[in-house]
Amino acid sequence: MAALQAATLNAAGALGWEARTGTIEPGREADLVLLDRNPLEDITNTKRIRAVFRAGRVFNRAALDSILAMPCTARSR
């Protein structure tokens, strides 16, 4: 739990973004990573990404794999 909080809630606080990100609740920005397994049971489950929700768009596993297959220079465009 501490590792996940460090990457989300605590990171938002360190960047001064705690008023808009870091937790899931009404009025907050909500970019999410949907996992296949519970990361509290095994932290390596954070690698089992099913989908990503970013800026109102959903990227399923196939879309993520397609993005990862692109050359690094093409991903940043």
N, C-alpha and C. Protein backbone atom coordinates (compact mmCIF):
# COMPACT_ATOMS: atom_id res chain seq x y z
N MET A 1 0.83 -1.19 0.00
CA MET A 1 0.00 0.00 0.00
C MET A 1 0.88 1.25 0.00
N ALA A 2 1.95 1.24 0.78
CA ALA A 2 2.82 2.40 0.87
C ALA A 2 3.45 2.74 -0.48
N ALA A 3 3.85 1.72 -1.24
CA ALA A 3 4.45 1.96 -2.56
C ALA A 3 3.43 2.59 -3.51
N LEU A 4 2.20 2.11 -3.48
CA LEU A 4 1.16 2.66 -4.35
C LEU A 4 0.82 4.10 -3.96
N GLN A 5 0.75 4.37 -2.67
CA GLN A 5 0.49 5.73 -2.21
C GLN A 5 1.63 6.67 -2.58
N ALA A 6 2.86 6.17 -2.52
CA ALA A 6 4.00 7.00 -2.89
C ALA A 6 3.93 7.41 -4.35
N ALA A 7 3.42 6.51 -5.20
CA ALA A 7 3.33 6.79 -6.62
C ALA A 7 2.12 7.62 -7.02
N THR A 8 1.14 7.74 -6.13
CA THR A 8 -0.10 8.43 -6.48
C THR A 8 -0.36 9.61 -5.54
N LEU A 9 -0.89 9.34 -4.39
CA LEU A 9 -1.25 10.38 -3.44
C LEU A 9 -0.05 11.23 -3.02
N ASN A 10 1.03 10.59 -2.64
CA ASN A 10 2.21 11.34 -2.19
C ASN A 10 2.87 12.10 -3.33
N ALA A 11 2.88 11.51 -4.52
CA ALA A 11 3.46 12.19 -5.68
C ALA A 11 2.66 13.45 -6.01
N ALA A 12 1.35 13.36 -5.93
CA ALA A 12 0.50 14.53 -6.19
C ALA A 12 0.82 15.63 -5.18
N GLY A 13 1.00 15.26 -3.92
CA GLY A 13 1.33 16.25 -2.90
C GLY A 13 2.69 16.88 -3.13
N ALA A 14 3.67 16.08 -3.53
CA ALA A 14 5.02 16.60 -3.77
C ALA A 14 5.04 17.59 -4.93
N LEU A 15 4.15 17.40 -5.90
CA LEU A 15 4.08 18.29 -7.05
C LEU A 15 3.14 19.47 -6.82
N GLY A 16 2.49 19.51 -5.66
CA GLY A 16 1.54 20.58 -5.38
C GLY A 16 0.21 20.39 -6.09
N TRP A 17 -0.11 19.17 -6.48
CA TRP A 17 -1.33 18.88 -7.23
C TRP A 17 -2.39 18.23 -6.37
N GLU A 18 -2.21 18.16 -5.07
CA GLU A 18 -3.13 17.39 -4.22
C GLU A 18 -4.58 17.88 -4.29
N ALA A 19 -4.83 19.11 -4.70
CA ALA A 19 -6.19 19.62 -4.80
C ALA A 19 -6.92 19.09 -6.03
N ARG A 20 -6.17 18.55 -7.01
CA ARG A 20 -6.83 18.10 -8.24
C ARG A 20 -6.55 16.65 -8.61
N THR A 21 -5.48 16.04 -8.07
CA THR A 21 -5.14 14.66 -8.42
C THR A 21 -4.73 13.87 -7.19
N GLY A 22 -4.43 12.60 -7.38
CA GLY A 22 -3.91 11.78 -6.30
C GLY A 22 -4.92 10.88 -5.64
N THR A 23 -6.20 11.21 -5.75
CA THR A 23 -7.27 10.36 -5.22
C THR A 23 -8.41 10.32 -6.23
N ILE A 24 -9.29 9.34 -6.06
CA ILE A 24 -10.45 9.22 -6.94
C ILE A 24 -11.67 9.72 -6.18
N GLU A 25 -12.16 10.88 -6.59
CA GLU A 25 -13.35 11.46 -5.96
C GLU A 25 -13.89 12.56 -6.87
N PRO A 26 -15.14 12.97 -6.68
CA PRO A 26 -15.75 13.99 -7.53
C PRO A 26 -14.91 15.27 -7.56
N GLY A 27 -14.79 15.82 -8.77
CA GLY A 27 -14.07 17.07 -8.95
C GLY A 27 -12.57 16.91 -9.18
N ARG A 28 -12.07 15.69 -9.14
CA ARG A 28 -10.65 15.44 -9.35
C ARG A 28 -10.40 14.97 -10.78
N GLU A 29 -9.19 15.20 -11.27
CA GLU A 29 -8.78 14.63 -12.54
C GLU A 29 -8.58 13.14 -12.30
N ALA A 30 -9.00 12.30 -13.23
CA ALA A 30 -8.98 10.87 -12.96
C ALA A 30 -8.36 10.09 -14.11
N ASP A 31 -7.05 10.10 -14.20
CA ASP A 31 -6.35 9.20 -15.10
C ASP A 31 -6.14 7.92 -14.29
N LEU A 32 -6.55 6.80 -14.85
CA LEU A 32 -6.52 5.54 -14.10
C LEU A 32 -5.82 4.44 -14.88
N VAL A 33 -5.26 3.50 -14.14
CA VAL A 33 -4.71 2.28 -14.71
C VAL A 33 -5.53 1.13 -14.14
N LEU A 34 -6.14 0.34 -15.02
CA LEU A 34 -6.95 -0.81 -14.62
C LEU A 34 -6.07 -2.06 -14.70
N LEU A 35 -5.93 -2.74 -13.58
CA LEU A 35 -5.07 -3.91 -13.51
C LEU A 35 -5.87 -5.21 -13.52
N ASP A 36 -5.25 -6.30 -13.98
CA ASP A 36 -5.88 -7.62 -13.97
C ASP A 36 -5.88 -8.26 -12.59
N ARG A 37 -4.93 -7.90 -11.77
CA ARG A 37 -4.79 -8.50 -10.44
C ARG A 37 -4.54 -7.43 -9.40
N ASN A 38 -4.78 -7.77 -8.15
CA ASN A 38 -4.67 -6.84 -7.03
C ASN A 38 -3.20 -6.56 -6.68
N PRO A 39 -2.76 -5.31 -6.79
CA PRO A 39 -1.37 -4.99 -6.47
C PRO A 39 -1.07 -5.03 -4.97
N LEU A 40 -2.12 -5.04 -4.14
CA LEU A 40 -1.88 -5.16 -2.69
C LEU A 40 -1.49 -6.58 -2.31
N GLU A 41 -1.86 -7.55 -3.15
CA GLU A 41 -1.47 -8.93 -2.91
C GLU A 41 -0.06 -9.22 -3.39
N ASP A 42 0.34 -8.55 -4.48
CA ASP A 42 1.68 -8.73 -5.05
C ASP A 42 1.98 -7.49 -5.88
N ILE A 43 3.00 -6.73 -5.50
CA ILE A 43 3.30 -5.45 -6.17
C ILE A 43 3.62 -5.66 -7.65
N THR A 44 4.09 -6.84 -8.03
CA THR A 44 4.37 -7.08 -9.45
C THR A 44 3.09 -7.12 -10.29
N ASN A 45 1.94 -7.20 -9.64
CA ASN A 45 0.67 -7.12 -10.37
C ASN A 45 0.47 -5.76 -11.02
N THR A 46 1.26 -4.77 -10.66
CA THR A 46 1.17 -3.47 -11.32
C THR A 46 1.61 -3.56 -12.78
N LYS A 47 2.25 -4.66 -13.15
CA LYS A 47 2.66 -4.89 -14.54
C LYS A 47 1.56 -5.54 -15.36
N ARG A 48 0.48 -5.96 -14.72
CA ARG A 48 -0.63 -6.65 -15.40
C ARG A 48 -1.71 -5.62 -15.78
N ILE A 49 -1.38 -4.76 -16.70
CA ILE A 49 -2.25 -3.64 -17.07
C ILE A 49 -3.29 -4.09 -18.09
N ARG A 50 -4.56 -3.92 -17.75
CA ARG A 50 -5.67 -4.27 -18.64
C ARG A 50 -6.02 -3.08 -19.54
N ALA A 51 -6.06 -1.87 -18.95
CA ALA A 51 -6.43 -0.68 -19.71
C ALA A 51 -5.93 0.57 -18.98
N VAL A 52 -5.85 1.66 -19.74
CA VAL A 52 -5.48 2.96 -19.18
C VAL A 52 -6.55 3.96 -19.58
N PHE A 53 -6.99 4.75 -18.63
CA PHE A 53 -7.94 5.83 -18.88
C PHE A 53 -7.16 7.13 -18.73
N ARG A 54 -7.02 7.88 -19.84
CA ARG A 54 -6.20 9.09 -19.82
C ARG A 54 -6.90 10.20 -20.59
N ALA A 55 -7.12 11.32 -19.92
CA ALA A 55 -7.71 12.50 -20.56
C ALA A 55 -9.01 12.17 -21.30
N GLY A 56 -9.86 11.35 -20.67
CA GLY A 56 -11.15 11.02 -21.26
C GLY A 56 -11.12 9.94 -22.31
N ARG A 57 -9.95 9.35 -22.57
CA ARG A 57 -9.82 8.28 -23.57
C ARG A 57 -9.49 6.97 -22.86
N VAL A 58 -9.98 5.87 -23.43
CA VAL A 58 -9.69 4.54 -22.91
C VAL A 58 -8.73 3.85 -23.88
N PHE A 59 -7.65 3.33 -23.33
CA PHE A 59 -6.69 2.56 -24.11
C PHE A 59 -6.72 1.13 -23.59
N ASN A 60 -7.30 0.20 -24.39
CA ASN A 60 -7.35 -1.19 -23.95
C ASN A 60 -5.99 -1.84 -24.17
N ARG A 61 -5.87 -3.11 -23.80
CA ARG A 61 -4.58 -3.81 -23.88
C ARG A 61 -4.02 -3.79 -25.29
N ALA A 62 -4.88 -4.01 -26.30
CA ALA A 62 -4.42 -4.02 -27.70
C ALA A 62 -3.87 -2.65 -28.10
N ALA A 63 -4.56 -1.59 -27.69
CA ALA A 63 -4.09 -0.24 -28.01
C ALA A 63 -2.76 0.06 -27.32
N LEU A 64 -2.63 -0.36 -26.07
CA LEU A 64 -1.38 -0.15 -25.35
C LEU A 64 -0.23 -0.91 -26.01
N ASP A 65 -0.47 -2.14 -26.42
CA ASP A 65 0.56 -2.92 -27.09
C ASP A 65 0.97 -2.26 -28.40
N SER A 66 0.00 -1.70 -29.12
CA SER A 66 0.29 -0.99 -30.37
C SER A 66 1.17 0.23 -30.11
N ILE A 67 0.85 0.99 -29.09
CA ILE A 67 1.65 2.17 -28.73
C ILE A 67 3.06 1.76 -28.35
N LEU A 68 3.18 0.70 -27.57
CA LEU A 68 4.50 0.24 -27.13
C LEU A 68 5.34 -0.28 -28.29
N ALA A 69 4.71 -0.74 -29.36
CA ALA A 69 5.43 -1.24 -30.52
C ALA A 69 6.00 -0.12 -31.38
N MET A 70 5.50 1.10 -31.19
CA MET A 70 5.99 2.25 -31.95
C MET A 70 7.40 2.64 -31.52
N PRO A 71 8.18 3.21 -32.43
CA PRO A 71 9.48 3.76 -32.02
C PRO A 71 9.26 4.87 -30.98
N CYS A 72 10.16 5.03 -30.07
CA CYS A 72 10.02 6.03 -29.01
C CYS A 72 9.73 7.42 -29.55
N THR A 73 10.33 7.80 -30.66
CA THR A 73 10.11 9.15 -31.20
C THR A 73 8.68 9.34 -31.67
N ALA A 74 8.03 8.29 -32.14
CA ALA A 74 6.65 8.39 -32.63
C ALA A 74 5.67 8.47 -31.47
N ARG A 75 6.01 7.89 -30.31
CA ARG A 75 5.10 7.90 -29.16
C ARG A 75 4.89 9.28 -28.58
N SER A 76 5.87 10.15 -28.67
CA SER A 76 5.78 11.47 -28.04
C SER A 76 5.03 12.49 -28.88
N ARG A 77 4.61 12.11 -30.05
CA ARG A 77 3.91 13.07 -30.94
C ARG A 77 2.48 13.23 -30.57
